[in-house]
Amino acid sequence: MLSGLALLLLVCLHMRVQGKLRSQSLGCDEYLGSGRVVDKCGVCGGDNTTCRLVSGVFKHSLSKIGYHKIVEIPEGATKINVTEMVKSRNYLALRSRSGRSIINGNWAIDRPGKYEGAGTMFTYRRPNEISSTAGESFLAEGPTNEILDVYMIFQQPNPGVHYEYVLPSEKLVSPQQPSHRPEGK
């Protein structure tokens, strides 16, 4: 009778351990139940103190129809968000430093959707509801594996484009915006 009770206790203990194992997830450190997750900079168990948010607004007035570079996104960037502040007839475009068009390149306007580039997946959004005032955007988790250039395909006055991304502290840089001067100066 004692061996039957011991066996029952072992089965109960085994089931309890198995249940705990199933309910625990693997942390980014590959330890079961550690609870460690990757922070915004890609550091396992990090607390976001090793990264820096880079953000700005491109507000320059443009005069020539066409592609105008508005910001450079460095290699290693995560949490990328480029958003037109108000809907306009302008389009955002994205190109890799190697010259490959990722979104809206070569005078072709892409449909909203997912586009792969620079080692990450970009979600391109272009609200088309008549009542919507939201501008178009593209977002990506990153990290990028090369420098990216963001362009505006200018057709009407610039409503402003907000951009932001996160960089690990060893890649601290200020956003590289081209200088825009009125023509003839």
C-alpha atoms as a PDB file:
ATOM      1  CA  MET A   1       0.000   0.000   0.000  1.00  0.00           C
ATOM      2  CA  LEU A   2       2.861   2.354   0.774  1.00  0.00           C
ATOM      3  CA  SER A   3       4.446   1.812  -2.643  1.00  0.00           C
ATOM      4  CA  GLY A   4       1.110   2.648  -4.326  1.00  0.00           C
ATOM      5  CA  LEU A   5       0.926   5.922  -2.385  1.00  0.00           C
ATOM      6  CA  ALA A   6       4.548   6.750  -3.254  1.00  0.00           C
ATOM      7  CA  LEU A   7       3.827   6.031  -6.910  1.00  0.00           C
ATOM      8  CA  LEU A   8       0.730   8.272  -6.803  1.00  0.00           C
ATOM      9  CA  LEU A   9       2.795  11.098  -5.223  1.00  0.00           C
ATOM     10  CA  LEU A  10       5.458  10.716  -7.908  1.00  0.00           C
ATOM     11  CA  VAL A  11       2.831  10.858 -10.679  1.00  0.00           C
ATOM     12  CA  CYS A  12       1.268  13.982  -9.121  1.00  0.00           C
ATOM     13  CA  LEU A  13       4.672  15.630  -8.743  1.00  0.00           C
ATOM     14  CA  HIS A  14       5.563  14.728 -12.333  1.00  0.00           C
ATOM     15  CA  MET A  15       2.302  16.201 -13.667  1.00  0.00           C
ATOM     16  CA  ARG A  16       2.806  19.377 -11.660  1.00  0.00           C
ATOM     17  CA  VAL A  17       6.347  19.849 -12.968  1.00  0.00           C
ATOM     18  CA  GLN A  18       5.199  19.116 -16.541  1.00  0.00           C
ATOM     19  CA  GLY A  19       2.385  21.668 -16.213  1.00  0.00           C
ATOM     20  CA  LYS A  20       4.815  24.324 -14.982  1.00  0.00           C
ATOM     21  CA  LEU A  21       7.211  23.572 -17.814  1.00  0.00           C
ATOM     22  CA  ARG A  22       4.466  23.924 -20.379  1.00  0.00           C
ATOM     23  CA  SER A  23       3.258  27.236 -18.942  1.00  0.00           C
ATOM     24  CA  GLN A  24       6.735  28.767 -18.860  1.00  0.00           C
ATOM     25  CA  SER A  25       8.244  30.241 -21.974  1.00  0.00           C
ATOM     26  CA  LEU A  26      11.816  30.307 -23.126  1.00  0.00           C
ATOM     27  CA  GLY A  27      13.527  33.622 -22.416  1.00  0.00           C
ATOM     28  CA  CYS A  28      15.783  35.358 -24.926  1.00  0.00           C
ATOM     29  CA  ASP A  29      18.692  33.933 -22.886  1.00  0.00           C
ATOM     30  CA  GLU A  30      17.367  30.462 -23.811  1.00  0.00           C
ATOM     31  CA  TYR A  31      16.527  29.602 -20.192  1.00  0.00           C
ATOM     32  CA  LEU A  32      13.046  28.285 -19.522  1.00  0.00           C
ATOM     33  CA  GLY A  33      11.041  30.643 -17.343  1.00  0.00           C
ATOM     34  CA  SER A  34      13.735  33.322 -17.041  1.00  0.00           C
ATOM     35  CA  GLY A  35      11.258  35.940 -18.258  1.00  0.00           C
ATOM     36  CA  ARG A  36      14.038  37.779 -20.077  1.00  0.00           C
ATOM     37  CA  VAL A  37      12.993  39.631 -23.209  1.00  0.00           C
ATOM     38  CA  VAL A  38      14.857  41.682 -25.781  1.00  0.00           C
ATOM     39  CA  ASP A  39      14.651  45.453 -25.186  1.00  0.00           C
ATOM     40  CA  LYS A  40      14.247  48.127 -27.901  1.00  0.00           C
ATOM     41  CA  CYS A  41      17.968  47.945 -28.668  1.00  0.00           C
ATOM     42  CA  GLY A  42      18.040  44.189 -29.092  1.00  0.00           C
ATOM     43  CA  VAL A  43      19.751  43.516 -25.739  1.00  0.00           C
ATOM     44  CA  CYS A  44      18.505  40.350 -24.029  1.00  0.00           C
ATOM     45  CA  GLY A  45      17.318  41.307 -20.553  1.00  0.00           C
ATOM     46  CA  GLY A  46      18.160  44.951 -21.264  1.00  0.00           C
ATOM     47  CA  ASP A  47      16.253  47.850 -19.755  1.00  0.00           C
ATOM     48  CA  ASN A  48      16.416  50.200 -22.775  1.00  0.00           C
ATOM     49  CA  THR A  49      19.231  52.225 -21.146  1.00  0.00           C
ATOM     50  CA  THR A  50      21.721  51.109 -23.795  1.00  0.00           C
ATOM     51  CA  CYS A  51      19.755  52.688 -26.598  1.00  0.00           C
ATOM     52  CA  ARG A  52      18.780  56.091 -27.845  1.00  0.00           C
ATOM     53  CA  LEU A  53      15.632  57.297 -29.570  1.00  0.00           C
ATOM     54  CA  VAL A  54      16.390  59.466 -32.591  1.00  0.00           C
ATOM     55  CA  SER A  55      13.442  61.500 -33.840  1.00  0.00           C
ATOM     56  CA  GLY A  56      12.649  64.587 -35.800  1.00  0.00           C
ATOM     57  CA  VAL A  57      10.270  66.260 -38.210  1.00  0.00           C
ATOM     58  CA  PHE A  58      11.132  67.084 -41.806  1.00  0.00           C
ATOM     59  CA  LYS A  59       9.382  70.403 -42.472  1.00  0.00           C
ATOM     60  CA  HIS A  60      11.370  71.878 -45.358  1.00  0.00           C
ATOM     61  CA  SER A  61       9.511  73.650 -48.130  1.00  0.00           C
ATOM     62  CA  LEU A  62      10.215  72.030 -51.461  1.00  0.00           C
ATOM     63  CA  SER A  63       9.648  73.479 -54.904  1.00  0.00           C
ATOM     64  CA  LYS A  64      10.640  70.881 -57.502  1.00  0.00           C
ATOM     65  CA  ILE A  65       8.391  67.901 -58.208  1.00  0.00           C
ATOM     66  CA  GLY A  66      10.244  64.632 -57.665  1.00  0.00           C
ATOM     67  CA  TYR A  67      12.233  62.623 -55.148  1.00  0.00           C
ATOM     68  CA  HIS A  68      13.788  64.554 -52.252  1.00  0.00           C
ATOM     69  CA  LYS A  69      15.902  62.835 -49.591  1.00  0.00           C
ATOM     70  CA  ILE A  70      14.539  63.661 -46.150  1.00  0.00           C
ATOM     71  CA  VAL A  71      16.478  61.477 -43.700  1.00  0.00           C
ATOM     72  CA  GLU A  72      19.028  58.689 -43.474  1.00  0.00           C
ATOM     73  CA  ILE A  73      18.341  55.704 -41.212  1.00  0.00           C
ATOM     74  CA  PRO A  74      21.597  54.122 -39.978  1.00  0.00           C
ATOM     75  CA  GLU A  75      22.486  50.452 -39.963  1.00  0.00           C
ATOM     76  CA  GLY A  76      21.340  48.785 -36.717  1.00  0.00           C
ATOM     77  CA  ALA A  77      18.211  50.936 -36.333  1.00  0.00           C
ATOM     78  CA  THR A  78      15.146  49.358 -34.693  1.00  0.00           C
ATOM     79  CA  LYS A  79      11.561  50.512 -34.028  1.00  0.00           C
ATOM     80  CA  ILE A  80      11.489  52.539 -37.257  1.00  0.00           C
ATOM     81  CA  ASN A  81       8.474  54.795 -37.801  1.00  0.00           C
ATOM     82  CA  VAL A  82       8.241  57.303 -40.649  1.00  0.00           C
ATOM     83  CA  THR A  83       4.836  59.005 -40.844  1.00  0.00           C
ATOM     84  CA  GLU A  84       3.463  61.846 -42.898  1.00  0.00           C
ATOM     85  CA  MET A  85       1.819  64.203 -40.389  1.00  0.00           C
ATOM     86  CA  VAL A  86      -1.242  64.911 -42.562  1.00  0.00           C
ATOM     87  CA  LYS A  87      -2.495  63.185 -45.677  1.00  0.00           C
ATOM     88  CA  SER A  88      -1.245  64.757 -48.904  1.00  0.00           C
ATOM     89  CA  ARG A  89      -0.635  63.880 -52.552  1.00  0.00           C
ATOM     90  CA  ASN A  90       3.052  63.340 -51.714  1.00  0.00           C
ATOM     91  CA  TYR A  91       4.410  59.837 -51.235  1.00  0.00           C
ATOM     92  CA  LEU A  92       7.102  58.424 -48.970  1.00  0.00           C
ATOM     93  CA  ALA A  93       9.794  56.297 -50.564  1.00  0.00           C
ATOM     94  CA  LEU A  94      12.494  54.052 -49.126  1.00  0.00           C
ATOM     95  CA  ARG A  95      15.724  52.958 -50.755  1.00  0.00           C
ATOM     96  CA  SER A  96      18.670  50.924 -49.537  1.00  0.00           C
ATOM     97  CA  ARG A  97      22.131  52.441 -49.709  1.00  0.00           C
ATOM     98  CA  SER A  98      23.009  49.726 -52.233  1.00  0.00           C
ATOM     99  CA  GLY A  99      20.464  51.384 -54.548  1.00  0.00           C
ATOM    100  CA  ARG A 100      17.570  48.925 -54.245  1.00  0.00           C
ATOM    101  CA  SER A 101      14.126  50.524 -54.062  1.00  0.00           C
ATOM    102  CA  ILE A 102      12.124  49.055 -51.191  1.00  0.00           C
ATOM    103  CA  ILE A 103       8.973  51.211 -51.257  1.00  0.00           C
ATOM    104  CA  ASN A 104       7.754  53.529 -54.054  1.00  0.00           C
ATOM    105  CA  GLY A 105      10.846  53.473 -56.232  1.00  0.00           C
ATOM    106  CA  ASN A 106      11.457  54.287 -59.893  1.00  0.00           C
ATOM    107  CA  TRP A 107       8.312  56.439 -60.182  1.00  0.00           C
ATOM    108  CA  ALA A 108       6.090  53.446 -59.346  1.00  0.00           C
ATOM    109  CA  ILE A 109       3.749  53.761 -56.372  1.00  0.00           C
ATOM    110  CA  ASP A 110       3.408  50.517 -54.415  1.00  0.00           C
ATOM    111  CA  ARG A 111       0.273  49.228 -52.761  1.00  0.00           C
ATOM    112  CA  PRO A 112       0.131  49.292 -48.972  1.00  0.00           C
ATOM    113  CA  GLY A 113       1.550  46.065 -47.565  1.00  0.00           C
ATOM    114  CA  LYS A 114       4.704  44.380 -46.322  1.00  0.00           C
ATOM    115  CA  TYR A 115       8.067  44.907 -48.010  1.00  0.00           C
ATOM    116  CA  GLU A 116      11.397  43.301 -47.130  1.00  0.00           C
ATOM    117  CA  GLY A 117      14.552  45.387 -47.126  1.00  0.00           C
ATOM    118  CA  ALA A 118      17.802  45.894 -45.216  1.00  0.00           C
ATOM    119  CA  GLY A 119      17.259  42.714 -43.210  1.00  0.00           C
ATOM    120  CA  THR A 120      13.850  43.645 -41.808  1.00  0.00           C
ATOM    121  CA  MET A 121      10.183  43.787 -42.841  1.00  0.00           C
ATOM    122  CA  PHE A 122       8.510  47.156 -43.471  1.00  0.00           C
ATOM    123  CA  THR A 123       4.769  47.697 -43.231  1.00  0.00           C
ATOM    124  CA  TYR A 124       3.692  50.411 -45.654  1.00  0.00           C
ATOM    125  CA  ARG A 125       0.372  52.112 -44.886  1.00  0.00           C
ATOM    126  CA  ARG A 126      -1.492  54.576 -47.062  1.00  0.00           C
ATOM    127  CA  PRO A 127      -4.928  55.451 -45.690  1.00  0.00           C
ATOM    128  CA  ASN A 128      -7.352  55.833 -48.575  1.00  0.00           C
ATOM    129  CA  GLU A 129     -10.564  56.711 -46.789  1.00  0.00           C
ATOM    130  CA  ILE A 130     -11.965  60.027 -47.962  1.00  0.00           C
ATOM    131  CA  SER A 131     -12.698  61.117 -44.389  1.00  0.00           C
ATOM    132  CA  SER A 132      -9.242  60.156 -43.080  1.00  0.00           C
ATOM    133  CA  THR A 133      -6.653  62.863 -42.538  1.00  0.00           C
ATOM    134  CA  ALA A 134      -3.933  60.378 -41.557  1.00  0.00           C
ATOM    135  CA  GLY A 135      -0.845  60.451 -43.734  1.00  0.00           C
ATOM    136  CA  GLU A 136       0.981  57.465 -45.096  1.00  0.00           C
ATOM    137  CA  SER A 137       3.667  55.686 -43.102  1.00  0.00           C
ATOM    138  CA  PHE A 138       6.082  52.827 -42.942  1.00  0.00           C
ATOM    139  CA  LEU A 139       7.110  50.925 -39.839  1.00  0.00           C
ATOM    140  CA  ALA A 140       9.687  48.207 -39.109  1.00  0.00           C
ATOM    141  CA  GLU A 141      10.964  46.409 -36.034  1.00  0.00           C
ATOM    142  CA  GLY A 142      14.534  46.123 -37.377  1.00  0.00           C
ATOM    143  CA  PRO A 143      17.381  45.935 -36.863  1.00  0.00           C
ATOM    144  CA  THR A 144      18.486  47.140 -40.270  1.00  0.00           C
ATOM    145  CA  ASN A 145      21.622  45.626 -41.754  1.00  0.00           C
ATOM    146  CA  GLU A 146      22.493  48.613 -43.962  1.00  0.00           C
ATOM    147  CA  ILE A 147      21.902  52.351 -44.229  1.00  0.00           C
ATOM    148  CA  LEU A 148      18.520  53.375 -45.653  1.00  0.00           C
ATOM    149  CA  ASP A 149      17.508  56.616 -47.334  1.00  0.00           C
ATOM    150  CA  VAL A 150      13.982  57.994 -46.892  1.00  0.00           C
ATOM    151  CA  TYR A 151      12.595  60.182 -49.665  1.00  0.00           C
ATOM    152  CA  MET A 152       9.501  62.248 -50.268  1.00  0.00           C
ATOM    153  CA  ILE A 153       8.036  62.184 -53.755  1.00  0.00           C
ATOM    154  CA  PHE A 154       7.043  65.837 -53.723  1.00  0.00           C
ATOM    155  CA  GLN A 155       3.862  66.936 -55.510  1.00  0.00           C
ATOM    156  CA  GLN A 156       2.289  69.479 -53.151  1.00  0.00           C
ATOM    157  CA  PRO A 157       3.346  71.522 -50.091  1.00  0.00           C
ATOM    158  CA  ASN A 158       5.037  69.347 -47.464  1.00  0.00           C
ATOM    159  CA  PRO A 159       2.715  68.744 -44.469  1.00  0.00           C
ATOM    160  CA  GLY A 160       5.707  67.504 -42.450  1.00  0.00           C
ATOM    161  CA  VAL A 161       7.084  64.017 -41.982  1.00  0.00           C
ATOM    162  CA  HIS A 162       7.792  62.663 -38.499  1.00  0.00           C
ATOM    163  CA  TYR A 163      10.521  60.028 -38.259  1.00  0.00           C
ATOM    164  CA  GLU A 164      11.925  58.048 -35.380  1.00  0.00           C
ATOM    165  CA  TYR A 165      14.105  55.039 -34.776  1.00  0.00           C
ATOM    166  CA  VAL A 166      16.087  53.504 -31.932  1.00  0.00           C
ATOM    167  CA  LEU A 167      19.841  52.911 -32.023  1.00  0.00           C
ATOM    168  CA  PRO A 168      22.102  50.930 -29.707  1.00  0.00           C
ATOM    169  CA  SER A 169      24.372  53.299 -27.740  1.00  0.00           C
ATOM    170  CA  GLU A 170      27.458  52.292 -29.724  1.00  0.00           C
ATOM    171  CA  LYS A 171      25.735  53.637 -32.863  1.00  0.00           C
ATOM    172  CA  LEU A 172      24.781  57.066 -31.518  1.00  0.00           C
ATOM    173  CA  VAL A 173      24.441  59.448 -34.445  1.00  0.00           C
ATOM    174  CA  SER A 174      22.351  62.442 -35.256  1.00  0.00           C
ATOM    175  CA  PRO A 175      19.912  62.079 -38.135  1.00  0.00           C
ATOM    176  CA  GLN A 176      21.481  62.923 -41.467  1.00  0.00           C
ATOM    177  CA  GLN A 177      19.183  65.353 -43.222  1.00  0.00           C
ATOM    178  CA  PRO A 178      20.248  66.859 -46.503  1.00  0.00           C
ATOM    179  CA  SER A 179      20.380  70.629 -46.578  1.00  0.00           C
ATOM    180  CA  HIS A 180      17.481  72.111 -48.523  1.00  0.00           C
ATOM    181  CA  ARG A 181      17.953  75.575 -49.922  1.00  0.00           C
ATOM    182  CA  PRO A 182      15.633  77.498 -52.210  1.00  0.00           C
ATOM    183  CA  GLU A 183      16.640  77.170 -55.857  1.00  0.00           C
ATOM    184  CA  GLY A 184      19.050  79.791 -57.171  1.00  0.00           C
ATOM    185  CA  LYS A 185      20.929  80.188 -53.870  1.00  0.00           C
END
